[in-house]
Amino acid sequence: MLVEALSIELKAHGHDLPVYFGNRHWHPFLADTVKTMSDDGVTHAAVFVTSAFGSYSGCRQYREALEEVTLALGPSTPRLDKLRLFYNHPGFLHPLAERIGQCLAERPEARMIFTAHSIPVSMAQGCDYTQQLDEAATILLELAGHTGRPYDLVYQSRSGPPQIPWLEPDINDHLESLAQEGISEVALLPLGFVSDHMEVLFDLDTQAAATASRLGLGFTRLQTVGVAPPFVSMIRELIEERYLPTRPTPVALGSSGPWPDMCPEGHCPAPKRRPARSEP
């Protein structure tokens, strides 16, 4: 749906650009997509990564994947430019703020909870992931007319060995804590995701909803940004600000300003690996 919406958006603004779709972990794989682009005669491409926030897995690892594809395919590989992070872009935040405002108008007593994909603590310590999530949440509540309203930032989709610390609290554990505090209703926004894919549907609509039901909590899960027109326009604007000769001024909400085209040196390093245990 996003590919189709972006194609229409680009053509409506005079940009005759093909739009391709590739994944890092599933079909169609990135390498296959880039090979198709090369076969189609594409020599230069803007890469929009659907990860708004900076972390190794959400930023640098994508850049590394693009480099790996370039090395594997050789001289025929199109030039691949990753577009900047967009966690504080108005095109991402305004549609979400509108949904929050509508929800809280109908459910004024609901505790506002923002969820994001958990990452290893060692990864979080080397980037601005949690700070960016907090900044975006604060801006969203301000835009929705609820400046200063308490909110919770929690995590979902934890994976990996149990002995490795990941960001907490988990959404289900947090719902347990809220019920013990006497909270009766919650509203969840999956801030760390841009579409209602399987992780959102299973972790929140199935597991978290079941936890809330068991605890007697009123439960509302707000939609991700999806193909909201301002979000689709944002992608087109990110392309324009990168390539137009008369470059539009990059926009951002909050005090941090727009993320640079090129990530700062050393940004989002890989998490430190624990040394392997020696056998006795």
C-alpha atoms as a PDB file:
ATOM      1  CA  MET A   1       0.000   0.000   0.000  1.00  0.00           C
ATOM      2  CA  LEU A   2       2.810   2.413   0.817  1.00  0.00           C
ATOM      3  CA  VAL A   3       4.539   1.747  -2.512  1.00  0.00           C
ATOM      4  CA  GLU A   4       1.340   2.543  -4.402  1.00  0.00           C
ATOM      5  CA  ALA A   5       0.604   5.632  -2.304  1.00  0.00           C
ATOM      6  CA  LEU A   6       4.141   6.968  -2.746  1.00  0.00           C
ATOM      7  CA  SER A   7       4.060   6.358  -6.504  1.00  0.00           C
ATOM      8  CA  ILE A   8       0.885   8.432  -6.760  1.00  0.00           C
ATOM      9  CA  GLU A   9       2.357  11.151  -4.522  1.00  0.00           C
ATOM     10  CA  LEU A  10       5.539  11.425  -6.576  1.00  0.00           C
ATOM     11  CA  LYS A  11       3.702  11.618  -9.894  1.00  0.00           C
ATOM     12  CA  ALA A  12       1.320  14.244  -8.505  1.00  0.00           C
ATOM     13  CA  HIS A  13       4.344  16.461  -7.800  1.00  0.00           C
ATOM     14  CA  GLY A  14       6.042  15.958 -11.153  1.00  0.00           C
ATOM     15  CA  HIS A  15       8.503  13.229 -10.152  1.00  0.00           C
ATOM     16  CA  ASP A  16       8.478  10.342 -12.617  1.00  0.00           C
ATOM     17  CA  LEU A  17      10.300   7.912 -10.352  1.00  0.00           C
ATOM     18  CA  PRO A  18       9.811   4.140 -10.050  1.00  0.00           C
ATOM     19  CA  VAL A  19       9.301   2.825  -6.518  1.00  0.00           C
ATOM     20  CA  TYR A  20      10.762  -0.508  -5.420  1.00  0.00           C
ATOM     21  CA  PHE A  21      10.356  -2.480  -2.207  1.00  0.00           C
ATOM     22  CA  GLY A  22      12.941  -4.677  -0.476  1.00  0.00           C
ATOM     23  CA  ASN A  23      13.409  -6.261   2.948  1.00  0.00           C
ATOM     24  CA  ARG A  24      16.432  -7.042   5.073  1.00  0.00           C
ATOM     25  CA  HIS A  25      14.973 -10.232   6.576  1.00  0.00           C
ATOM     26  CA  TRP A  26      12.185 -11.399   4.254  1.00  0.00           C
ATOM     27  CA  HIS A  27      11.056 -11.607   0.656  1.00  0.00           C
ATOM     28  CA  PRO A  28      11.621  -9.669  -1.467  1.00  0.00           C
ATOM     29  CA  PHE A  29      15.153  -9.447  -0.101  1.00  0.00           C
ATOM     30  CA  LEU A  30      17.124  -6.251  -0.512  1.00  0.00           C
ATOM     31  CA  ALA A  31      19.777  -7.845  -2.730  1.00  0.00           C
ATOM     32  CA  ASP A  32      17.114  -9.216  -5.099  1.00  0.00           C
ATOM     33  CA  THR A  33      15.362  -5.853  -5.275  1.00  0.00           C
ATOM     34  CA  VAL A  34      18.584  -3.979  -6.013  1.00  0.00           C
ATOM     35  CA  LYS A  35      19.457  -6.554  -8.710  1.00  0.00           C
ATOM     36  CA  THR A  36      16.059  -5.916 -10.308  1.00  0.00           C
ATOM     37  CA  MET A  37      16.695  -2.179 -10.170  1.00  0.00           C
ATOM     38  CA  SER A  38      20.064  -2.653 -11.862  1.00  0.00           C
ATOM     39  CA  ASP A  39      18.481  -4.817 -14.578  1.00  0.00           C
ATOM     40  CA  ASP A  40      15.885  -2.074 -15.089  1.00  0.00           C
ATOM     41  CA  GLY A  41      18.640   0.460 -15.725  1.00  0.00           C
ATOM     42  CA  VAL A  42      18.427   2.327 -12.422  1.00  0.00           C
ATOM     43  CA  THR A  43      21.739   3.993 -11.588  1.00  0.00           C
ATOM     44  CA  HIS A  44      20.874   6.075  -8.525  1.00  0.00           C
ATOM     45  CA  ALA A  45      18.276   5.492  -5.812  1.00  0.00           C
ATOM     46  CA  ALA A  46      17.028   7.101  -2.632  1.00  0.00           C
ATOM     47  CA  VAL A  47      16.487   4.530   0.110  1.00  0.00           C
ATOM     48  CA  PHE A  48      13.668   5.148   2.562  1.00  0.00           C
ATOM     49  CA  VAL A  49      14.021   2.906   5.621  1.00  0.00           C
ATOM     50  CA  THR A  50      10.806   2.470   7.607  1.00  0.00           C
ATOM     51  CA  SER A  51      12.618   2.955  10.906  1.00  0.00           C
ATOM     52  CA  ALA A  52      12.057   6.417  12.336  1.00  0.00           C
ATOM     53  CA  PHE A  53      14.420   6.120  15.293  1.00  0.00           C
ATOM     54  CA  GLY A  54      18.176   5.705  15.518  1.00  0.00           C
ATOM     55  CA  SER A  55      19.773   2.490  16.749  1.00  0.00           C
ATOM     56  CA  TYR A  56      22.189  -0.051  15.337  1.00  0.00           C
ATOM     57  CA  SER A  57      19.382  -2.315  14.128  1.00  0.00           C
ATOM     58  CA  GLY A  58      17.242   0.613  12.965  1.00  0.00           C
ATOM     59  CA  CYS A  59      19.896   2.728  11.247  1.00  0.00           C
ATOM     60  CA  ARG A  60      23.527   1.622  10.905  1.00  0.00           C
ATOM     61  CA  GLN A  61      22.663  -1.998  10.132  1.00  0.00           C
ATOM     62  CA  TYR A  62      20.615  -0.820   7.157  1.00  0.00           C
ATOM     63  CA  ARG A  63      23.553   1.219   5.910  1.00  0.00           C
ATOM     64  CA  GLU A  64      25.775  -1.824   6.322  1.00  0.00           C
ATOM     65  CA  ALA A  65      23.243  -3.899   4.373  1.00  0.00           C
ATOM     66  CA  LEU A  66      23.345  -1.378   1.526  1.00  0.00           C
ATOM     67  CA  GLU A  67      27.138  -1.531   1.515  1.00  0.00           C
ATOM     68  CA  GLU A  68      27.060  -5.337   1.447  1.00  0.00           C
ATOM     69  CA  VAL A  69      24.709  -5.329  -1.534  1.00  0.00           C
ATOM     70  CA  THR A  70      26.927  -2.849  -3.345  1.00  0.00           C
ATOM     71  CA  LEU A  71      30.001  -5.026  -2.796  1.00  0.00           C
ATOM     72  CA  ALA A  72      28.159  -8.196  -3.832  1.00  0.00           C
ATOM     73  CA  LEU A  73      26.670  -6.831  -7.060  1.00  0.00           C
ATOM     74  CA  GLY A  74      29.723  -4.843  -8.087  1.00  0.00           C
ATOM     75  CA  PRO A  75      29.908  -1.966 -10.590  1.00  0.00           C
ATOM     76  CA  SER A  76      26.358  -2.461 -11.852  1.00  0.00           C
ATOM     77  CA  THR A  77      24.897  -1.612  -8.438  1.00  0.00           C
ATOM     78  CA  PRO A  78      22.938   1.657  -8.375  1.00  0.00           C
ATOM     79  CA  ARG A  79      24.195   4.341  -6.046  1.00  0.00           C
ATOM     80  CA  LEU A  80      22.102   3.903  -2.879  1.00  0.00           C
ATOM     81  CA  ASP A  81      21.510   6.930  -0.630  1.00  0.00           C
ATOM     82  CA  LYS A  82      19.773   6.243   2.679  1.00  0.00           C
ATOM     83  CA  LEU A  83      17.381   9.084   3.554  1.00  0.00           C
ATOM     84  CA  ARG A  84      17.593  10.656   7.000  1.00  0.00           C
ATOM     85  CA  LEU A  85      15.833   9.600  10.196  1.00  0.00           C
ATOM     86  CA  PHE A  86      12.361  11.111  10.548  1.00  0.00           C
ATOM     87  CA  TYR A  87      11.330  10.567  14.189  1.00  0.00           C
ATOM     88  CA  ASN A  88      10.628  14.294  14.674  1.00  0.00           C
ATOM     89  CA  HIS A  89       9.299  15.112  11.203  1.00  0.00           C
ATOM     90  CA  PRO A  90       5.817  16.707  11.215  1.00  0.00           C
ATOM     91  CA  GLY A  91       4.647  14.341   8.483  1.00  0.00           C
ATOM     92  CA  PHE A  92       5.237  11.424  10.834  1.00  0.00           C
ATOM     93  CA  LEU A  93       4.008  13.038  14.046  1.00  0.00           C
ATOM     94  CA  HIS A  94       0.943  15.052  13.015  1.00  0.00           C
ATOM     95  CA  PRO A  95      -1.193  12.065  11.929  1.00  0.00           C
ATOM     96  CA  LEU A  96      -0.321  10.230  15.141  1.00  0.00           C
ATOM     97  CA  ALA A  97      -1.112  13.290  17.265  1.00  0.00           C
ATOM     98  CA  GLU A  98      -4.522  13.549  15.617  1.00  0.00           C
ATOM     99  CA  ARG A  99      -5.253   9.934  16.572  1.00  0.00           C
ATOM    100  CA  ILE A 100      -4.122  10.533  20.141  1.00  0.00           C
ATOM    101  CA  GLY A 101      -6.312  13.622  20.417  1.00  0.00           C
ATOM    102  CA  GLN A 102      -9.371  11.770  19.157  1.00  0.00           C
ATOM    103  CA  CYS A 103      -8.747   8.836  21.485  1.00  0.00           C
ATOM    104  CA  LEU A 104      -8.212  10.909  24.619  1.00  0.00           C
ATOM    105  CA  ALA A 105     -11.258  13.048  23.844  1.00  0.00           C
ATOM    106  CA  GLU A 106     -13.356   9.876  23.953  1.00  0.00           C
ATOM    107  CA  ARG A 107     -11.399   8.234  26.794  1.00  0.00           C
ATOM    108  CA  PRO A 108     -10.046  11.086  28.944  1.00  0.00           C
ATOM    109  CA  GLU A 109      -9.094   8.780  31.835  1.00  0.00           C
ATOM    110  CA  ALA A 110      -6.962   6.443  29.709  1.00  0.00           C
ATOM    111  CA  ARG A 111      -3.297   6.083  30.614  1.00  0.00           C
ATOM    112  CA  MET A 112      -1.237   6.895  27.502  1.00  0.00           C
ATOM    113  CA  ILE A 113       1.336   4.246  26.619  1.00  0.00           C
ATOM    114  CA  PHE A 114       3.840   4.380  23.764  1.00  0.00           C
ATOM    115  CA  THR A 115       5.428   1.129  22.633  1.00  0.00           C
ATOM    116  CA  ALA A 116       8.557   0.473  20.610  1.00  0.00           C
ATOM    117  CA  HIS A 117      10.615  -2.534  19.641  1.00  0.00           C
ATOM    118  CA  SER A 118      12.908  -3.519  22.492  1.00  0.00           C
ATOM    119  CA  ILE A 119      16.641  -3.631  21.750  1.00  0.00           C
ATOM    120  CA  PRO A 120      19.599  -4.886  23.807  1.00  0.00           C
ATOM    121  CA  VAL A 121      20.625  -2.498  26.576  1.00  0.00           C
ATOM    122  CA  SER A 122      24.180  -2.513  25.202  1.00  0.00           C
ATOM    123  CA  MET A 123      22.804  -1.282  21.874  1.00  0.00           C
ATOM    124  CA  ALA A 124      20.665   1.409  23.509  1.00  0.00           C
ATOM    125  CA  GLN A 125      23.674   2.731  25.450  1.00  0.00           C
ATOM    126  CA  GLY A 126      25.451   3.587  22.197  1.00  0.00           C
ATOM    127  CA  CYS A 127      22.662   5.565  20.522  1.00  0.00           C
ATOM    128  CA  ASP A 128      19.827   8.035  21.084  1.00  0.00           C
ATOM    129  CA  TYR A 129      17.012   5.501  20.691  1.00  0.00           C
ATOM    130  CA  THR A 130      15.250   6.023  24.029  1.00  0.00           C
ATOM    131  CA  GLN A 131      15.848   9.787  23.980  1.00  0.00           C
ATOM    132  CA  GLN A 132      14.315  10.076  20.508  1.00  0.00           C
ATOM    133  CA  LEU A 133      11.309   7.996  21.550  1.00  0.00           C
ATOM    134  CA  ASP A 134      10.784  10.181  24.605  1.00  0.00           C
ATOM    135  CA  GLU A 135      11.146  13.340  22.529  1.00  0.00           C
ATOM    136  CA  ALA A 136       8.619  12.119  19.964  1.00  0.00           C
ATOM    137  CA  ALA A 137       6.145  11.099  22.686  1.00  0.00           C
ATOM    138  CA  THR A 138       6.403  14.502  24.349  1.00  0.00           C
ATOM    139  CA  ILE A 139       5.871  16.311  21.038  1.00  0.00           C
ATOM    140  CA  LEU A 140       2.884  14.103  20.209  1.00  0.00           C
ATOM    141  CA  LEU A 141       1.106  14.931  23.446  1.00  0.00           C
ATOM    142  CA  GLU A 142       1.796  18.633  22.933  1.00  0.00           C
ATOM    143  CA  LEU A 143       0.362  18.476  19.405  1.00  0.00           C
ATOM    144  CA  ALA A 144      -2.661  16.595  20.715  1.00  0.00           C
ATOM    145  CA  GLY A 145      -3.364  19.313  23.280  1.00  0.00           C
ATOM    146  CA  HIS A 146      -2.151  17.350  26.303  1.00  0.00           C
ATOM    147  CA  THR A 147       1.120  19.063  27.179  1.00  0.00           C
ATOM    148  CA  GLY A 148       2.579  17.616  30.363  1.00  0.00           C
ATOM    149  CA  ARG A 149       0.227  14.654  30.462  1.00  0.00           C
ATOM    150  CA  PRO A 150       1.917  11.609  32.041  1.00  0.00           C
ATOM    151  CA  TYR A 151       2.782   8.801  29.658  1.00  0.00           C
ATOM    152  CA  ASP A 152       4.695   5.542  29.718  1.00  0.00           C
ATOM    153  CA  LEU A 153       7.328   4.322  27.255  1.00  0.00           C
ATOM    154  CA  VAL A 154       7.390   0.538  27.133  1.00  0.00           C
ATOM    155  CA  TYR A 155       8.722  -2.158  24.823  1.00  0.00           C
ATOM    156  CA  GLN A 156       7.599  -5.190  22.877  1.00  0.00           C
ATOM    157  CA  SER A 157       8.966  -7.890  20.535  1.00  0.00           C
ATOM    158  CA  ARG A 158      11.934  -8.833  22.695  1.00  0.00           C
ATOM    159  CA  SER A 159      14.051 -11.656  21.248  1.00  0.00           C
ATOM    160  CA  GLY A 160      17.473 -13.180  21.735  1.00  0.00           C
ATOM    161  CA  PRO A 161      19.061 -15.128  24.610  1.00  0.00           C
ATOM    162  CA  PRO A 162      17.353 -14.470  27.971  1.00  0.00           C
ATOM    163  CA  GLN A 163      20.666 -13.730  29.715  1.00  0.00           C
ATOM    164  CA  ILE A 164      21.235 -10.624  27.556  1.00  0.00           C
ATOM    165  CA  PRO A 165      19.493  -7.531  29.047  1.00  0.00           C
ATOM    166  CA  TRP A 166      17.020  -5.779  26.763  1.00  0.00           C
ATOM    167  CA  LEU A 167      15.103  -2.544  27.274  1.00  0.00           C
ATOM    168  CA  GLU A 168      12.198  -2.849  29.704  1.00  0.00           C
ATOM    169  CA  PRO A 169       9.436  -2.783  30.815  1.00  0.00           C
ATOM    170  CA  ASP A 170       7.699  -5.241  28.534  1.00  0.00           C
ATOM    171  CA  ILE A 171       4.185  -4.103  27.651  1.00  0.00           C
ATOM    172  CA  ASN A 172       2.530  -7.071  29.365  1.00  0.00           C
ATOM    173  CA  ASP A 173       4.529  -6.648  32.565  1.00  0.00           C
ATOM    174  CA  HIS A 174       3.680  -2.958  32.532  1.00  0.00           C
ATOM    175  CA  LEU A 175      -0.032  -3.625  32.215  1.00  0.00           C
ATOM    176  CA  GLU A 176       0.243  -5.831  35.297  1.00  0.00           C
ATOM    177  CA  SER A 177       1.895  -2.962  37.198  1.00  0.00           C
ATOM    178  CA  LEU A 178      -0.713  -0.435  36.094  1.00  0.00           C
ATOM    179  CA  ALA A 179      -3.549  -2.686  37.202  1.00  0.00           C
ATOM    180  CA  GLN A 180      -1.913  -2.975  40.621  1.00  0.00           C
ATOM    181  CA  GLU A 181      -1.750   0.834  40.779  1.00  0.00           C
ATOM    182  CA  GLY A 182      -5.489   1.067  40.189  1.00  0.00           C
ATOM    183  CA  ILE A 183      -5.362   2.229  36.557  1.00  0.00           C
ATOM    184  CA  SER A 184      -8.571   1.144  34.835  1.00  0.00           C
ATOM    185  CA  GLU A 185      -7.996   2.060  31.177  1.00  0.00           C
ATOM    186  CA  VAL A 186      -5.059   2.320  28.780  1.00  0.00           C
ATOM    187  CA  ALA A 187      -4.470   3.660  25.280  1.00  0.00           C
ATOM    188  CA  LEU A 188      -1.530   2.217  23.337  1.00  0.00           C
ATOM    189  CA  LEU A 189       0.251   3.787  20.385  1.00  0.00           C
ATOM    190  CA  PRO A 190       2.949   1.648  18.700  1.00  0.00           C
ATOM    191  CA  LEU A 191       5.224   4.643  18.176  1.00  0.00           C
ATOM    192  CA  GLY A 192       8.208   2.577  17.078  1.00  0.00           C
ATOM    193  CA  PHE A 193       6.393   1.099  14.068  1.00  0.00           C
ATOM    194  CA  VAL A 194       4.984   2.661  10.897  1.00  0.00           C
ATOM    195  CA  SER A 195       2.568  -0.101   9.832  1.00  0.00           C
ATOM    196  CA  ASP A 196       0.203  -2.581  11.461  1.00  0.00           C
ATOM    197  CA  HIS A 197       2.317  -5.624  10.604  1.00  0.00           C
ATOM    198  CA  MET A 198       2.490  -8.966  12.401  1.00  0.00           C
ATOM    199  CA  GLU A 199       4.596  -7.781  15.352  1.00  0.00           C
ATOM    200  CA  VAL A 200       2.045  -5.088  16.128  1.00  0.00           C
ATOM    201  CA  LEU A 201      -0.946  -7.340  15.523  1.00  0.00           C
ATOM    202  CA  PHE A 202       0.380 -10.225  17.624  1.00  0.00           C
ATOM    203  CA  ASP A 203       2.226  -8.382  20.395  1.00  0.00           C
ATOM    204  CA  LEU A 204      -0.482  -5.791  20.978  1.00  0.00           C
ATOM    205  CA  ASP A 205      -3.791  -6.819  19.432  1.00  0.00           C
ATOM    206  CA  THR A 206      -3.422 -10.419  20.612  1.00  0.00           C
ATOM    207  CA  GLN A 207      -1.079 -10.705  23.595  1.00  0.00           C
ATOM    208  CA  ALA A 208      -1.397  -7.270  25.214  1.00  0.00           C
ATOM    209  CA  ALA A 209      -5.137  -7.165  24.588  1.00  0.00           C
ATOM    210  CA  ALA A 210      -5.492 -10.560  26.276  1.00  0.00           C
ATOM    211  CA  THR A 211      -3.427  -9.358  29.247  1.00  0.00           C
ATOM    212  CA  ALA A 212      -5.570  -6.241  29.577  1.00  0.00           C
ATOM    213  CA  SER A 213      -8.757  -8.308  29.382  1.00  0.00           C
ATOM    214  CA  ARG A 214      -7.517 -10.653  32.100  1.00  0.00           C
ATOM    215  CA  LEU A 215      -6.699  -7.677  34.316  1.00  0.00           C
ATOM    216  CA  GLY A 216      -9.999  -5.918  33.639  1.00  0.00           C
ATOM    217  CA  LEU A 217      -8.324  -2.965  31.918  1.00  0.00           C
ATOM    218  CA  GLY A 218     -10.077  -0.960  29.250  1.00  0.00           C
ATOM    219  CA  PHE A 219      -7.832  -1.305  26.183  1.00  0.00           C
ATOM    220  CA  THR A 220      -7.518   0.843  23.053  1.00  0.00           C
ATOM    221  CA  ARG A 221      -4.784   0.306  20.489  1.00  0.00           C
ATOM    222  CA  LEU A 222      -4.236   3.266  18.151  1.00  0.00           C
ATOM    223  CA  GLN A 223      -3.255   2.670  14.539  1.00  0.00           C
ATOM    224  CA  THR A 224       0.254   3.238  13.256  1.00  0.00           C
ATOM    225  CA  VAL A 225       0.860   6.023  10.753  1.00  0.00           C
ATOM    226  CA  GLY A 226       0.381   3.612   7.817  1.00  0.00           C
ATOM    227  CA  VAL A 227      -0.347   5.500   4.597  1.00  0.00           C
ATOM    228  CA  ALA A 228      -1.667   8.695   6.174  1.00  0.00           C
ATOM    229  CA  PRO A 229      -1.313  11.402   3.483  1.00  0.00           C
ATOM    230  CA  PRO A 230       1.075  13.602   5.538  1.00  0.00           C
ATOM    231  CA  PHE A 231       3.369  10.601   6.048  1.00  0.00           C
ATOM    232  CA  VAL A 232       3.418   9.752   2.344  1.00  0.00           C
ATOM    233  CA  SER A 233       4.104  13.422   1.580  1.00  0.00           C
ATOM    234  CA  MET A 234       6.935  13.331   4.102  1.00  0.00           C
ATOM    235  CA  ILE A 235       8.736  10.632   2.120  1.00  0.00           C
ATOM    236  CA  ARG A 236       8.459  12.733  -1.030  1.00  0.00           C
ATOM    237  CA  GLU A 237       9.758  15.766   0.905  1.00  0.00           C
ATOM    238  CA  LEU A 238      12.745  13.789   2.201  1.00  0.00           C
ATOM    239  CA  ILE A 239      13.626  12.939  -1.398  1.00  0.00           C
ATOM    240  CA  GLU A 240      13.206  16.539  -2.540  1.00  0.00           C
ATOM    241  CA  GLU A 241      15.311  17.997   0.268  1.00  0.00           C
ATOM    242  CA  ARG A 242      18.093  15.566  -0.626  1.00  0.00           C
ATOM    243  CA  TYR A 243      18.208  16.029  -4.378  1.00  0.00           C
ATOM    244  CA  LEU A 244      16.478  19.155  -5.683  1.00  0.00           C
ATOM    245  CA  PRO A 245      18.933  21.833  -6.844  1.00  0.00           C
ATOM    246  CA  THR A 246      16.972  24.403  -4.844  1.00  0.00           C
ATOM    247  CA  ARG A 247      16.924  22.232  -1.753  1.00  0.00           C
ATOM    248  CA  PRO A 248      13.912  22.804   0.523  1.00  0.00           C
ATOM    249  CA  THR A 249      14.787  23.542   4.128  1.00  0.00           C
ATOM    250  CA  PRO A 250      14.618  20.287   6.153  1.00  0.00           C
ATOM    251  CA  VAL A 251      11.848  20.450   8.741  1.00  0.00           C
ATOM    252  CA  ALA A 252      11.558  18.986  12.235  1.00  0.00           C
ATOM    253  CA  LEU A 253       9.528  19.499  15.382  1.00  0.00           C
ATOM    254  CA  GLY A 254      10.996  19.951  18.840  1.00  0.00           C
ATOM    255  CA  SER A 255      14.401  21.270  19.813  1.00  0.00           C
ATOM    256  CA  SER A 256      16.733  18.671  18.280  1.00  0.00           C
ATOM    257  CA  GLY A 257      16.352  19.813  14.689  1.00  0.00           C
ATOM    258  CA  PRO A 258      16.345  17.663  11.546  1.00  0.00           C
ATOM    259  CA  TRP A 259      18.612  14.643  11.435  1.00  0.00           C
ATOM    260  CA  PRO A 260      21.542  15.122   9.029  1.00  0.00           C
ATOM    261  CA  ASP A 261      21.666  13.398   5.645  1.00  0.00           C
ATOM    262  CA  MET A 262      24.820  11.580   6.683  1.00  0.00           C
ATOM    263  CA  CYS A 263      24.729  10.045  10.148  1.00  0.00           C
ATOM    264  CA  PRO A 264      27.399  11.460  12.503  1.00  0.00           C
ATOM    265  CA  GLU A 265      30.660   9.544  12.700  1.00  0.00           C
ATOM    266  CA  GLY A 266      30.358   6.624  15.108  1.00  0.00           C
ATOM    267  CA  HIS A 267      26.595   6.959  15.416  1.00  0.00           C
ATOM    268  CA  CYS A 268      24.611   3.828  16.352  1.00  0.00           C
ATOM    269  CA  PRO A 269      27.516   1.394  16.845  1.00  0.00           C
ATOM    270  CA  ALA A 270      26.942  -2.333  17.008  1.00  0.00           C
ATOM    271  CA  PRO A 271      26.303  -3.594  20.542  1.00  0.00           C
ATOM    272  CA  LYS A 272      29.272  -5.037  22.348  1.00  0.00           C
ATOM    273  CA  ARG A 273      29.273  -8.802  22.290  1.00  0.00           C
ATOM    274  CA  ARG A 274      29.950 -10.734  25.436  1.00  0.00           C
ATOM    275  CA  PRO A 275      33.035 -12.948  25.157  1.00  0.00           C
ATOM    276  CA  ALA A 276      32.219 -16.563  24.551  1.00  0.00           C
ATOM    277  CA  ARG A 277      32.383 -18.747  27.619  1.00  0.00           C
ATOM    278  CA  SER A 278      35.305 -21.140  27.582  1.00  0.00           C
ATOM    279  CA  GLU A 279      34.576 -24.797  28.080  1.00  0.00           C
ATOM    280  CA  PRO A 280      35.880 -26.306  31.342  1.00  0.00           C
END
